[in-house]
Amino acid sequence: MLPRSGMNIRSHLAQLHMFMDNQRMCDGNGASVLDDLLVKTREFVAERDWEQYHSPKNLSIALSVEAAELAEIFQWLTEDQSRNLTPMQKAHAAEEIGDVLVYLVDLAEKLGIEPVKAAFDKLEKNREKYPVEKARGNAVKYDELAGG
């Protein structure tokens, strides 16, 4: 879904948000792709009798570890190298991103949080904290922005 000519980005994002609410990344049968991932994750965990270990505390730690493993791929790369991964690096990144997503979806379910809604809500909060007129072109934290 691309913005129409003359459409501002805020309007486009609102339209995209409505589209996502309606579609919820559906698989064609009305089921969310994230719901399907959660079902597959539950099956995997149940088959191994690992539910006893999947507390929010443990899942959040596992998520952090997997995110660190993803970061490790980029640790000593230059900016340019990080944008142009080798096929092997990209495959490794894909595996780590998969691990991160599996733990994130599992953790969100345990906490009763809809992760896509949480991401959209957080994006909207960040939009307020980082108004374009103050934040454009710099990477300072919101409380360090001029007049912030």
Foldseek 3Di string as FASTA:
>chain_A
DDDDPPDDPVNVVVVVVVVCVVCVCDPVVNDHPLNVLQVVLVVVCVVVVNPVVLDLVNLVVQLVVLVVQLVVLCVPPDPVCVVPDDPVSVVSNVVSVVSNSSSVSSSCVNVVHDVVVVVVVVVVVVCVLQPCVFNPPDDDGSVPTVVD
